């Protein structure tokens, strides 16, 4: 029972953090096998959010696998863009 509750809470956290991203700059997002989410911006560059909702660095050229088995290669590492989209009130802007 506790395991189901933890899985449900983690799912809500991932869904909530995915909705928090400013969709005006994001063209697409992909859920990865490990539960992280990769966001593709309109200019083709990418950023990654881990399964806990924190922005995470990923080396350019790293090949990742989506939940449905599709392979994606990381282009860019736009952590500052994703951080700004997730937390627009930080940094005094």
C-alpha atoms as a PDB file:
ATOM      1  CA  UNK A   1       0.000   0.000   0.000  1.00  0.00           C
ATOM      2  CA  UNK A   2       2.796   2.411   0.922  1.00  0.00           C
ATOM      3  CA  UNK A   3       4.592   1.597  -2.320  1.00  0.00           C
ATOM      4  CA  UNK A   4       1.484   2.530  -4.344  1.00  0.00           C
ATOM      5  CA  UNK A   5       1.159   5.792  -2.440  1.00  0.00           C
ATOM      6  CA  UNK A   6       4.794   6.691  -3.131  1.00  0.00           C
ATOM      7  CA  UNK A   7       4.402   5.907  -6.841  1.00  0.00           C
ATOM      8  CA  UNK A   8       1.240   8.020  -7.014  1.00  0.00           C
ATOM      9  CA  UNK A   9       2.943  10.937  -5.248  1.00  0.00           C
ATOM     10  CA  UNK A  10       5.939  10.736  -7.597  1.00  0.00           C
ATOM     11  CA  UNK A  11       3.613  10.718 -10.606  1.00  0.00           C
ATOM     12  CA  UNK A  12       1.824  13.820  -9.368  1.00  0.00           C
ATOM     13  CA  UNK A  13       5.161  15.556  -8.798  1.00  0.00           C
ATOM     14  CA  UNK A  14       6.327  14.807 -12.345  1.00  0.00           C
ATOM     15  CA  UNK A  15       3.024  15.904 -13.858  1.00  0.00           C
ATOM     16  CA  UNK A  16       2.973  19.105 -11.814  1.00  0.00           C
ATOM     17  CA  UNK A  17       6.534  20.062 -12.698  1.00  0.00           C
ATOM     18  CA  UNK A  18       5.870  19.391 -16.385  1.00  0.00           C
ATOM     19  CA  UNK A  19       2.931  21.786 -16.279  1.00  0.00           C
ATOM     20  CA  UNK A  20       5.027  24.451 -14.575  1.00  0.00           C
ATOM     21  CA  UNK A  21       7.241  25.028 -17.622  1.00  0.00           C
ATOM     22  CA  UNK A  22       6.494  28.125 -19.667  1.00  0.00           C
ATOM     23  CA  UNK A  23       5.060  26.552 -22.799  1.00  0.00           C
ATOM     24  CA  UNK A  24       5.682  29.696 -24.890  1.00  0.00           C
ATOM     25  CA  UNK A  25       9.358  28.727 -25.328  1.00  0.00           C
ATOM     26  CA  UNK A  26       8.951  24.944 -25.376  1.00  0.00           C
ATOM     27  CA  UNK A  27       8.164  23.233 -28.640  1.00  0.00           C
ATOM     28  CA  UNK A  28       8.073  19.632 -27.343  1.00  0.00           C
ATOM     29  CA  UNK A  29       8.733  17.608 -24.244  1.00  0.00           C
ATOM     30  CA  UNK A  30       9.633  13.944 -23.884  1.00  0.00           C
ATOM     31  CA  UNK A  31       9.321  11.706 -20.825  1.00  0.00           C
ATOM     32  CA  UNK A  32      12.391   9.488 -20.486  1.00  0.00           C
ATOM     33  CA  UNK A  33      12.571   5.889 -19.266  1.00  0.00           C
ATOM     34  CA  UNK A  34      14.087   7.013 -15.964  1.00  0.00           C
ATOM     35  CA  UNK A  35      11.210   9.431 -15.294  1.00  0.00           C
ATOM     36  CA  UNK A  36      13.059  12.602 -16.273  1.00  0.00           C
ATOM     37  CA  UNK A  37      11.664  15.024 -18.859  1.00  0.00           C
ATOM     38  CA  UNK A  38      13.560  16.570 -21.778  1.00  0.00           C
ATOM     39  CA  UNK A  39      12.249  19.879 -23.115  1.00  0.00           C
ATOM     40  CA  UNK A  40      12.978  20.974 -26.682  1.00  0.00           C
ATOM     41  CA  UNK A  41      12.869  24.723 -27.210  1.00  0.00           C
ATOM     42  CA  UNK A  42      11.731  26.388 -30.423  1.00  0.00           C
ATOM     43  CA  UNK A  43      15.340  26.842 -31.600  1.00  0.00           C
ATOM     44  CA  UNK A  44      15.995  23.088 -31.250  1.00  0.00           C
ATOM     45  CA  UNK A  45      18.138  23.298 -28.120  1.00  0.00           C
ATOM     46  CA  UNK A  46      17.223  21.172 -25.101  1.00  0.00           C
ATOM     47  CA  UNK A  47      17.178  21.049 -21.318  1.00  0.00           C
ATOM     48  CA  UNK A  48      16.422  18.265 -18.877  1.00  0.00           C
ATOM     49  CA  UNK A  49      14.452  18.078 -15.653  1.00  0.00           C
ATOM     50  CA  UNK A  50      15.044  15.032 -13.460  1.00  0.00           C
ATOM     51  CA  UNK A  51      12.245  12.902 -12.044  1.00  0.00           C
ATOM     52  CA  UNK A  52      12.253  15.033  -8.878  1.00  0.00           C
ATOM     53  CA  UNK A  53      11.572  18.264 -10.778  1.00  0.00           C
ATOM     54  CA  UNK A  54      15.090  19.721 -10.641  1.00  0.00           C
ATOM     55  CA  UNK A  55      16.982  21.011 -13.659  1.00  0.00           C
ATOM     56  CA  UNK A  56      19.831  18.647 -14.455  1.00  0.00           C
ATOM     57  CA  UNK A  57      22.885  18.965 -16.696  1.00  0.00           C
ATOM     58  CA  UNK A  58      23.251  16.609 -19.637  1.00  0.00           C
ATOM     59  CA  UNK A  59      26.264  16.461 -21.941  1.00  0.00           C
ATOM     60  CA  UNK A  60      25.638  17.526 -25.523  1.00  0.00           C
ATOM     61  CA  UNK A  61      25.501  14.509 -27.823  1.00  0.00           C
ATOM     62  CA  UNK A  62      24.354  12.128 -25.061  1.00  0.00           C
ATOM     63  CA  UNK A  63      21.797   9.637 -26.402  1.00  0.00           C
ATOM     64  CA  UNK A  64      18.704   9.188 -24.237  1.00  0.00           C
ATOM     65  CA  UNK A  65      15.738   6.819 -24.529  1.00  0.00           C
ATOM     66  CA  UNK A  66      12.142   7.950 -24.162  1.00  0.00           C
ATOM     67  CA  UNK A  67       9.516   5.975 -22.285  1.00  0.00           C
ATOM     68  CA  UNK A  68       8.222   4.591 -25.598  1.00  0.00           C
ATOM     69  CA  UNK A  69      11.704   3.505 -26.779  1.00  0.00           C
ATOM     70  CA  UNK A  70      12.553   6.410 -29.098  1.00  0.00           C
ATOM     71  CA  UNK A  71      16.209   7.564 -29.057  1.00  0.00           C
ATOM     72  CA  UNK A  72      16.977  11.281 -28.698  1.00  0.00           C
ATOM     73  CA  UNK A  73      20.376  12.979 -28.805  1.00  0.00           C
ATOM     74  CA  UNK A  74      20.913  15.945 -26.483  1.00  0.00           C
ATOM     75  CA  UNK A  75      21.493  19.220 -28.308  1.00  0.00           C
ATOM     76  CA  UNK A  76      22.689  22.078 -26.133  1.00  0.00           C
ATOM     77  CA  UNK A  77      22.339  22.240 -22.381  1.00  0.00           C
ATOM     78  CA  UNK A  78      19.961  25.119 -21.801  1.00  0.00           C
ATOM     79  CA  UNK A  79      19.692  24.716 -18.043  1.00  0.00           C
ATOM     80  CA  UNK A  80      19.320  28.472 -17.474  1.00  0.00           C
ATOM     81  CA  UNK A  81      16.327  28.645 -19.858  1.00  0.00           C
ATOM     82  CA  UNK A  82      14.578  25.762 -18.168  1.00  0.00           C
ATOM     83  CA  UNK A  83      15.401  27.111 -14.714  1.00  0.00           C
ATOM     84  CA  UNK A  84      13.924  30.478 -15.696  1.00  0.00           C
ATOM     85  CA  UNK A  85      10.803  28.774 -17.074  1.00  0.00           C
ATOM     86  CA  UNK A  86      10.347  26.629 -13.954  1.00  0.00           C
ATOM     87  CA  UNK A  87      11.089  29.425 -11.461  1.00  0.00           C
ATOM     88  CA  UNK A  88      10.259  32.776 -13.101  1.00  0.00           C
ATOM     89  CA  UNK A  89      10.365  34.741  -9.809  1.00  0.00           C
ATOM     90  CA  UNK A  90      13.968  33.889  -8.941  1.00  0.00           C
ATOM     91  CA  UNK A  91      16.951  35.983  -9.926  1.00  0.00           C
ATOM     92  CA  UNK A  92      15.289  39.410  -9.694  1.00  0.00           C
ATOM     93  CA  UNK A  93      13.924  39.464 -13.231  1.00  0.00           C
END
